[in-house]
């Protein structure tokens, strides 16, 4: 095989490898579907949609890095247990970073990682929309409940 033939073969192999890699990436992207029962993205979506995760992300985005007690005070009604569980899940998913400072007593601070900041920027408008429309939704609930109450 000549040098030119070798070079063409190497280029051809490289192009095939890139095409295969592109097809694999497309296939992986197509396989992720939050509506599919066994899709891992569905589990992550459900974790994010729990009662506390989005509030934690929004609080960290609005107030910056916070200690555990600051987060707990800022998010009314969250128990220590639920805050701990939610923070661990968010940390595991690469959304929140837990930093322990070597002081006495140790100081622990939670902050958003880039992925968490991106998500917080997406859901913060949802929080504001909910605040702005809560009265309308409460009124709609009253109308619905009155129409569906058995006499």
N, C-alpha and C. Protein backbone atom coordinates (compact mmCIF):
# COMPACT_ATOMS: atom_id res chain seq x y z
N UNK A 1 0.85 -1.17 0.00
CA UNK A 1 0.00 0.00 0.00
C UNK A 1 0.89 1.23 0.00
N UNK A 2 0.58 2.19 -0.86
CA UNK A 2 1.37 3.41 -0.94
C UNK A 2 1.02 4.33 0.22
N UNK A 3 1.84 5.34 0.38
CA UNK A 3 1.59 6.32 1.43
C UNK A 3 0.26 7.02 1.21
N UNK A 4 -0.03 7.31 -0.06
CA UNK A 4 -1.30 7.97 -0.39
C UNK A 4 -2.48 7.07 -0.07
N UNK A 5 -2.36 5.80 -0.38
CA UNK A 5 -3.44 4.85 -0.10
C UNK A 5 -3.63 4.69 1.41
N UNK A 6 -2.51 4.65 2.13
CA UNK A 6 -2.57 4.54 3.59
C UNK A 6 -3.26 5.77 4.19
N UNK A 7 -2.91 6.93 3.68
CA UNK A 7 -3.52 8.17 4.17
C UNK A 7 -5.01 8.17 3.88
N UNK A 8 -5.42 7.75 2.66
CA UNK A 8 -6.84 7.69 2.32
C UNK A 8 -7.57 6.69 3.20
N UNK A 9 -6.94 5.56 3.47
CA UNK A 9 -7.57 4.55 4.33
C UNK A 9 -7.74 5.09 5.74
N UNK A 10 -6.72 5.79 6.25
CA UNK A 10 -6.80 6.36 7.60
C UNK A 10 -7.90 7.42 7.67
N UNK A 11 -7.99 8.25 6.65
CA UNK A 11 -9.04 9.28 6.62
C UNK A 11 -10.41 8.62 6.55
N UNK A 12 -10.52 7.60 5.70
CA UNK A 12 -11.79 6.88 5.60
C UNK A 12 -12.18 6.25 6.91
N UNK A 13 -11.23 5.63 7.59
CA UNK A 13 -11.52 5.00 8.89
C UNK A 13 -11.94 6.06 9.89
N UNK A 14 -11.24 7.20 9.89
CA UNK A 14 -11.56 8.28 10.83
C UNK A 14 -12.97 8.81 10.57
N UNK A 15 -13.33 9.00 9.30
CA UNK A 15 -14.66 9.48 8.97
C UNK A 15 -15.73 8.47 9.39
N UNK A 16 -15.45 7.17 9.16
CA UNK A 16 -16.40 6.15 9.58
C UNK A 16 -16.58 6.16 11.09
N UNK A 17 -15.46 6.30 11.81
CA UNK A 17 -15.53 6.33 13.27
C UNK A 17 -16.35 7.52 13.75
N UNK A 18 -16.14 8.68 13.11
CA UNK A 18 -16.92 9.86 13.48
C UNK A 18 -18.40 9.67 13.19
N UNK A 19 -18.71 9.05 12.05
CA UNK A 19 -20.11 8.80 11.72
C UNK A 19 -20.74 7.85 12.72
N UNK A 20 -20.00 6.79 13.08
CA UNK A 20 -20.52 5.83 14.06
C UNK A 20 -20.74 6.51 15.40
N UNK A 21 -19.76 7.35 15.81
CA UNK A 21 -19.89 8.06 17.08
C UNK A 21 -21.09 9.00 17.04
N UNK A 22 -21.27 9.69 15.91
CA UNK A 22 -22.41 10.59 15.78
C UNK A 22 -23.72 9.83 15.84
N UNK A 23 -23.76 8.66 15.20
CA UNK A 23 -24.96 7.84 15.24
C UNK A 23 -25.23 7.33 16.64
N UNK A 24 -24.17 6.94 17.36
CA UNK A 24 -24.34 6.47 18.75
C UNK A 24 -24.88 7.60 19.62
N UNK A 25 -24.34 8.81 19.44
CA UNK A 25 -24.82 9.95 20.23
C UNK A 25 -26.28 10.24 19.91
N UNK A 26 -26.63 10.21 18.63
CA UNK A 26 -28.02 10.44 18.25
C UNK A 26 -28.92 9.38 18.85
N UNK A 27 -28.44 8.12 18.81
CA UNK A 27 -29.23 7.03 19.36
C UNK A 27 -29.41 7.20 20.86
N UNK A 28 -28.32 7.59 21.57
CA UNK A 28 -28.42 7.82 23.01
C UNK A 28 -29.40 8.94 23.31
N UNK A 29 -29.34 10.03 22.52
CA UNK A 29 -30.24 11.15 22.73
C UNK A 29 -31.68 10.75 22.46
N UNK A 30 -31.88 9.93 21.44
CA UNK A 30 -33.23 9.49 21.12
C UNK A 30 -33.79 8.57 22.20
N UNK A 31 -32.93 7.80 22.84
CA UNK A 31 -33.38 6.85 23.84
C UNK A 31 -33.81 7.52 25.13
N UNK A 32 -33.31 8.72 25.41
CA UNK A 32 -33.70 9.42 26.62
C UNK A 32 -35.05 10.09 26.41
N UNK A 33 -36.02 9.69 27.22
CA UNK A 33 -37.38 10.17 27.04
C UNK A 33 -38.06 10.15 28.41
N UNK A 34 -38.35 11.33 28.95
CA UNK A 34 -38.95 11.40 30.29
C UNK A 34 -40.32 10.75 30.37
N UNK A 35 -40.95 10.50 29.23
CA UNK A 35 -42.25 9.83 29.24
C UNK A 35 -42.13 8.31 29.28
N UNK A 36 -40.93 7.79 29.01
CA UNK A 36 -40.72 6.35 29.03
C UNK A 36 -40.54 5.88 30.48
N UNK A 37 -41.26 4.87 30.85
CA UNK A 37 -41.31 4.40 32.24
C UNK A 37 -39.93 4.06 32.81
N UNK A 38 -39.07 3.43 32.03
CA UNK A 38 -37.79 2.97 32.55
C UNK A 38 -36.61 3.86 32.18
N UNK A 39 -36.88 5.01 31.60
CA UNK A 39 -35.80 5.91 31.20
C UNK A 39 -35.18 6.59 32.42
N UNK A 40 -33.84 6.61 32.51
CA UNK A 40 -33.20 7.27 33.66
C UNK A 40 -33.52 8.76 33.76
N UNK A 41 -33.81 9.40 32.63
CA UNK A 41 -34.15 10.82 32.68
C UNK A 41 -35.47 11.03 33.43
N UNK A 42 -36.36 10.05 33.38
CA UNK A 42 -37.64 10.17 34.09
C UNK A 42 -37.41 10.18 35.60
N UNK A 43 -36.53 9.34 36.08
CA UNK A 43 -36.22 9.32 37.52
C UNK A 43 -35.62 10.66 37.95
N UNK A 44 -34.70 11.20 37.14
CA UNK A 44 -34.10 12.49 37.47
C UNK A 44 -35.14 13.60 37.45
N UNK A 45 -36.03 13.54 36.47
CA UNK A 45 -37.10 14.54 36.38
C UNK A 45 -37.97 14.49 37.63
N UNK A 46 -38.32 13.28 38.06
CA UNK A 46 -39.15 13.12 39.26
C UNK A 46 -38.42 13.63 40.50
N UNK A 47 -37.12 13.39 40.59
CA UNK A 47 -36.36 13.89 41.74
C UNK A 47 -36.36 15.41 41.75
N UNK A 48 -36.19 16.02 40.59
CA UNK A 48 -36.18 17.48 40.52
C UNK A 48 -37.55 18.08 40.81
N UNK A 49 -38.60 17.34 40.47
CA UNK A 49 -39.96 17.85 40.65
C UNK A 49 -40.50 17.58 42.05
N UNK A 50 -39.66 17.11 42.95
CA UNK A 50 -40.14 16.85 44.31
C UNK A 50 -40.45 18.17 45.01
N UNK A 51 -40.85 18.08 46.23
CA UNK A 51 -41.34 19.25 46.96
C UNK A 51 -40.24 20.28 47.25
N UNK A 52 -38.97 19.86 47.37
CA UNK A 52 -37.94 20.77 47.88
C UNK A 52 -36.82 21.11 46.90
N UNK A 53 -36.50 20.25 45.96
CA UNK A 53 -35.31 20.44 45.12
C UNK A 53 -35.29 21.77 44.37
N UNK A 54 -36.39 22.09 43.71
CA UNK A 54 -36.41 23.34 42.94
C UNK A 54 -36.34 24.56 43.85
N UNK A 55 -36.96 24.47 45.02
CA UNK A 55 -36.87 25.58 45.98
C UNK A 55 -35.43 25.78 46.45
N UNK A 56 -34.71 24.68 46.66
CA UNK A 56 -33.30 24.79 47.07
C UNK A 56 -32.49 25.45 45.97
N UNK A 57 -32.67 25.01 44.73
CA UNK A 57 -31.94 25.60 43.61
C UNK A 57 -32.26 27.09 43.47
N UNK A 58 -33.54 27.43 43.58
CA UNK A 58 -33.93 28.84 43.45
C UNK A 58 -33.36 29.68 44.59
N UNK A 59 -33.32 29.13 45.79
CA UNK A 59 -32.76 29.86 46.93
C UNK A 59 -31.27 30.11 46.75
N UNK A 60 -30.55 29.08 46.31
CA UNK A 60 -29.11 29.24 46.08
C UNK A 60 -28.84 30.22 44.95
N UNK A 61 -29.70 30.22 43.93
CA UNK A 61 -29.52 31.17 42.82
C UNK A 61 -29.79 32.60 43.29
N UNK A 62 -30.80 32.77 44.12
CA UNK A 62 -31.19 34.12 44.56
C UNK A 62 -30.26 34.68 45.63
N UNK A 63 -29.82 33.82 46.55
CA UNK A 63 -29.06 34.29 47.72
C UNK A 63 -27.58 33.96 47.68
N UNK A 64 -27.17 33.16 46.72
CA UNK A 64 -25.76 32.76 46.64
C UNK A 64 -25.47 31.62 47.60
N UNK A 65 -24.18 31.33 47.79
CA UNK A 65 -23.79 30.22 48.68
C UNK A 65 -24.38 30.38 50.07
N UNK A 66 -24.86 29.26 50.62
CA UNK A 66 -25.50 29.31 51.94
C UNK A 66 -25.10 28.11 52.78
N UNK A 67 -25.12 28.34 54.08
CA UNK A 67 -24.94 27.23 55.02
C UNK A 67 -26.28 26.50 55.15
N UNK A 68 -26.22 25.31 55.70
CA UNK A 68 -27.40 24.47 55.87
C UNK A 68 -28.50 25.22 56.61
N UNK A 69 -28.14 25.84 57.74
CA UNK A 69 -29.15 26.53 58.56
C UNK A 69 -29.76 27.72 57.82
N UNK A 70 -28.98 28.39 56.99
CA UNK A 70 -29.52 29.50 56.21
C UNK A 70 -30.54 28.99 55.19
N UNK A 71 -30.19 27.88 54.54
CA UNK A 71 -31.14 27.28 53.59
C UNK A 71 -32.42 26.88 54.29
N UNK A 72 -32.29 26.24 55.44
CA UNK A 72 -33.46 25.76 56.17
C UNK A 72 -34.36 26.93 56.60
N UNK A 73 -33.76 28.03 57.07
CA UNK A 73 -34.56 29.20 57.46
C UNK A 73 -35.22 29.84 56.24
N UNK A 74 -34.50 29.87 55.13
CA UNK A 74 -35.01 30.53 53.92
C UNK A 74 -36.12 29.76 53.22
N UNK A 75 -36.14 28.44 53.41
CA UNK A 75 -37.16 27.60 52.77
C UNK A 75 -38.09 27.12 53.86
N UNK A 76 -39.12 27.88 54.12
CA UNK A 76 -40.04 27.58 55.21
C UNK A 76 -40.64 26.19 55.11
N UNK A 77 -40.61 25.48 56.25
CA UNK A 77 -41.29 24.19 56.35
C UNK A 77 -40.45 22.97 56.01
N UNK A 78 -39.25 23.15 55.50
CA UNK A 78 -38.43 21.98 55.17
C UNK A 78 -37.77 21.45 56.44
N UNK A 79 -37.87 20.15 56.65
CA UNK A 79 -37.25 19.54 57.83
C UNK A 79 -35.76 19.32 57.56
N UNK A 80 -35.01 19.12 58.62
CA UNK A 80 -33.58 18.83 58.47
C UNK A 80 -33.38 17.58 57.61
N UNK A 81 -34.19 16.57 57.87
CA UNK A 81 -34.06 15.31 57.14
C UNK A 81 -34.29 15.51 55.65
N UNK A 82 -35.37 16.20 55.29
CA UNK A 82 -35.69 16.40 53.87
C UNK A 82 -34.68 17.31 53.19
N UNK A 83 -34.21 18.33 53.90
CA UNK A 83 -33.20 19.21 53.33
C UNK A 83 -31.92 18.43 53.07
N UNK A 84 -31.52 17.60 54.03
CA UNK A 84 -30.32 16.78 53.88
C UNK A 84 -30.46 15.84 52.69
N UNK A 85 -31.59 15.14 52.60
CA UNK A 85 -31.80 14.22 51.48
C UNK A 85 -31.79 14.94 50.14
N UNK A 86 -32.47 16.05 50.08
CA UNK A 86 -32.54 16.80 48.82
C UNK A 86 -31.18 17.34 48.41
N UNK A 87 -30.43 17.87 49.38
CA UNK A 87 -29.09 18.38 49.07
C UNK A 87 -28.17 17.26 48.59
N UNK A 88 -28.26 16.10 49.21
CA UNK A 88 -27.43 14.97 48.77
C UNK A 88 -27.77 14.55 47.35
N UNK A 89 -29.05 14.51 47.04
CA UNK A 89 -29.47 14.14 45.68
C UNK A 89 -28.98 15.18 44.68
N UNK A 90 -29.14 16.45 45.00
CA UNK A 90 -28.68 17.51 44.10
C UNK A 90 -27.17 17.49 43.93
N UNK A 91 -26.46 17.17 45.00
CA UNK A 91 -25.00 17.06 44.93
C UNK A 91 -24.61 15.86 44.06
N UNK A 92 -25.27 14.75 44.27
CA UNK A 92 -25.00 13.53 43.49
C UNK A 92 -25.25 13.75 42.00
N UNK A 93 -26.27 14.54 41.68
CA UNK A 93 -26.62 14.81 40.28
C UNK A 93 -25.78 15.92 39.64
N UNK A 94 -24.82 16.47 40.39
CA UNK A 94 -23.93 17.47 39.83
C UNK A 94 -24.53 18.86 39.72
N UNK A 95 -25.53 19.14 40.56
CA UNK A 95 -26.19 20.44 40.52
C UNK A 95 -25.73 21.36 41.65
N UNK A 96 -25.38 20.77 42.78
CA UNK A 96 -24.98 21.53 43.97
C UNK A 96 -23.62 21.02 44.46
N UNK A 97 -22.83 21.95 44.95
CA UNK A 97 -21.53 21.61 45.52
C UNK A 97 -21.55 21.87 47.02
N UNK A 98 -21.06 20.91 47.77
CA UNK A 98 -20.94 21.03 49.23
C UNK A 98 -19.47 21.24 49.55
N UNK A 99 -19.16 22.35 50.18
CA UNK A 99 -17.77 22.66 50.53
C UNK A 99 -17.64 22.71 52.04
N UNK A 100 -16.70 21.92 52.57
CA UNK A 100 -16.43 21.91 54.01
C UNK A 100 -15.14 22.68 54.24
N UNK A 101 -15.22 23.72 55.07
CA UNK A 101 -14.05 24.53 55.39
C UNK A 101 -13.44 24.01 56.69
N UNK A 102 -12.12 23.82 56.69
CA UNK A 102 -11.45 23.25 57.87
C UNK A 102 -11.30 24.27 58.99
N UNK A 103 -12.39 24.51 59.66
CA UNK A 103 -12.42 25.44 60.79
C UNK A 103 -12.96 24.69 61.98
N UNK A 104 -12.90 25.31 63.12
CA UNK A 104 -13.49 24.72 64.32
C UNK A 104 -14.60 25.64 64.80
N UNK A 105 -15.84 25.21 64.79
CA UNK A 105 -16.35 23.98 64.18
C UNK A 105 -16.31 24.09 62.66
N UNK A 106 -16.34 22.95 61.96
CA UNK A 106 -16.29 22.99 60.49
C UNK A 106 -17.47 23.78 59.91
N UNK A 107 -17.17 24.58 58.90
CA UNK A 107 -18.21 25.36 58.23
C UNK A 107 -18.51 24.67 56.90
N UNK A 108 -19.79 24.38 56.64
CA UNK A 108 -20.22 23.72 55.41
C UNK A 108 -21.09 24.69 54.63
N UNK A 109 -20.75 24.88 53.36
CA UNK A 109 -21.47 25.81 52.51
C UNK A 109 -21.91 25.09 51.25
N UNK A 110 -23.14 25.39 50.83
CA UNK A 110 -23.71 24.81 49.60
C UNK A 110 -23.79 25.90 48.55
N UNK A 111 -23.45 25.52 47.32
CA UNK A 111 -23.50 26.47 46.22
C UNK A 111 -23.88 25.73 44.94
N UNK A 112 -24.32 26.47 43.96
CA UNK A 112 -24.71 25.87 42.68
C UNK A 112 -23.48 25.61 41.82
N UNK A 113 -23.49 24.47 41.17
CA UNK A 113 -22.53 24.18 40.11
C UNK A 113 -23.13 24.71 38.81
N UNK A 114 -22.36 24.79 37.74
CA UNK A 114 -22.91 25.36 36.49
C UNK A 114 -24.21 24.71 36.02
N UNK A 115 -24.32 23.40 36.13
CA UNK A 115 -25.54 22.72 35.73
C UNK A 115 -26.73 23.13 36.61
N UNK A 116 -26.48 23.29 37.90
CA UNK A 116 -27.52 23.73 38.83
C UNK A 116 -27.93 25.17 38.57
N UNK A 117 -26.96 26.00 38.23
CA UNK A 117 -27.26 27.40 37.92
C UNK A 117 -28.13 27.48 36.66
N UNK A 118 -27.79 26.66 35.67
CA UNK A 118 -28.58 26.64 34.43
C UNK A 118 -30.03 26.24 34.73
N UNK A 119 -30.21 25.21 35.54
CA UNK A 119 -31.55 24.77 35.88
C UNK A 119 -32.29 25.82 36.70
N UNK A 120 -31.60 26.44 37.65
CA UNK A 120 -32.23 27.47 38.48
C UNK A 120 -32.70 28.64 37.63
N UNK A 121 -31.93 29.00 36.60
CA UNK A 121 -32.34 30.09 35.70
C UNK A 121 -33.60 29.72 34.93
N UNK A 122 -33.77 28.41 34.66
CA UNK A 122 -34.97 27.97 33.95
C UNK A 122 -36.19 27.94 34.85
N UNK A 123 -36.03 27.52 36.10
CA UNK A 123 -37.21 27.34 36.97
C UNK A 123 -37.56 28.59 37.78
N UNK A 124 -36.66 29.52 37.93
CA UNK A 124 -36.98 30.74 38.68
C UNK A 124 -38.15 31.50 38.08
N UNK A 125 -38.25 31.62 36.76
CA UNK A 125 -39.46 32.25 36.19
C UNK A 125 -40.74 31.48 36.53
N UNK A 126 -40.66 30.18 36.65
CA UNK A 126 -41.83 29.39 37.05
C UNK A 126 -42.26 29.77 38.46
N UNK A 127 -41.30 29.97 39.35
CA UNK A 127 -41.61 30.40 40.71
C UNK A 127 -42.29 31.76 40.72
N UNK A 128 -41.75 32.70 39.93
CA UNK A 128 -42.36 34.04 39.85
C UNK A 128 -43.76 33.97 39.25
N UNK A 129 -43.93 33.15 38.19
CA UNK A 129 -45.25 32.99 37.57
C UNK A 129 -46.25 32.45 38.59
N UNK A 130 -45.81 31.47 39.37
CA UNK A 130 -46.70 30.88 40.37
C UNK A 130 -47.12 31.92 41.40
N UNK A 131 -46.19 32.75 41.85
CA UNK A 131 -46.54 33.81 42.80
C UNK A 131 -47.55 34.78 42.18
N UNK A 132 -47.35 35.13 40.91
CA UNK A 132 -48.23 36.09 40.25
C UNK A 132 -49.63 35.52 39.97
N UNK A 133 -49.72 34.22 39.77
CA UNK A 133 -50.99 33.60 39.37
C UNK A 133 -51.65 32.79 40.48
N UNK A 134 -51.08 32.77 41.65
CA UNK A 134 -51.62 31.95 42.75
C UNK A 134 -53.06 32.33 43.08
N UNK A 135 -53.37 33.62 43.13
CA UNK A 135 -54.74 34.03 43.45
C UNK A 135 -55.75 33.52 42.42
N UNK A 136 -55.38 33.58 41.15
CA UNK A 136 -56.28 33.09 40.10
C UNK A 136 -56.48 31.58 40.24
N UNK A 137 -55.43 30.87 40.54
CA UNK A 137 -55.53 29.42 40.68
C UNK A 137 -56.34 29.05 41.92
N UNK A 138 -56.17 29.80 43.00
CA UNK A 138 -56.96 29.54 44.21
C UNK A 138 -58.45 29.79 43.95
N UNK A 139 -58.75 30.85 43.21
CA UNK A 139 -60.15 31.14 42.86
C UNK A 139 -60.71 30.02 41.99
N UNK A 140 -59.92 29.53 41.04
CA UNK A 140 -60.37 28.43 40.18
C UNK A 140 -60.62 27.17 41.01
N UNK A 141 -59.80 26.94 42.00
CA UNK A 141 -60.01 25.79 42.89
C UNK A 141 -61.34 25.90 43.63
N UNK A 142 -61.60 27.10 44.14
CA UNK A 142 -62.86 27.31 44.86
C UNK A 142 -64.07 27.04 43.97
N UNK A 143 -64.02 27.53 42.74
CA UNK A 143 -65.11 27.30 41.80
C UNK A 143 -65.25 25.81 41.51
N UNK A 144 -64.15 25.15 41.26
CA UNK A 144 -64.17 23.71 40.98
C UNK A 144 -64.73 22.92 42.16
N UNK A 145 -64.20 23.21 43.36
CA UNK A 145 -64.64 22.49 44.56
C UNK A 145 -66.13 22.71 44.82
N UNK A 146 -66.59 23.94 44.61
CA UNK A 146 -68.02 24.22 44.83
C UNK A 146 -68.89 23.45 43.83
N UNK A 147 -68.42 23.33 42.61
CA UNK A 147 -69.18 22.61 41.58
C UNK A 147 -69.15 21.11 41.77
N UNK A 148 -68.14 20.61 42.48
CA UNK A 148 -67.98 19.18 42.63
C UNK A 148 -68.23 18.67 44.05
N UNK A 149 -68.75 19.52 44.89
CA UNK A 149 -69.08 19.12 46.25
C UNK A 149 -70.43 18.45 46.26
N UNK A 150 -70.47 17.31 46.87
CA UNK A 150 -71.75 16.60 46.97
C UNK A 150 -72.58 17.24 48.07
N UNK A 151 -73.84 17.45 47.78
CA UNK A 151 -74.74 18.09 48.74
C UNK A 151 -75.28 17.09 49.74
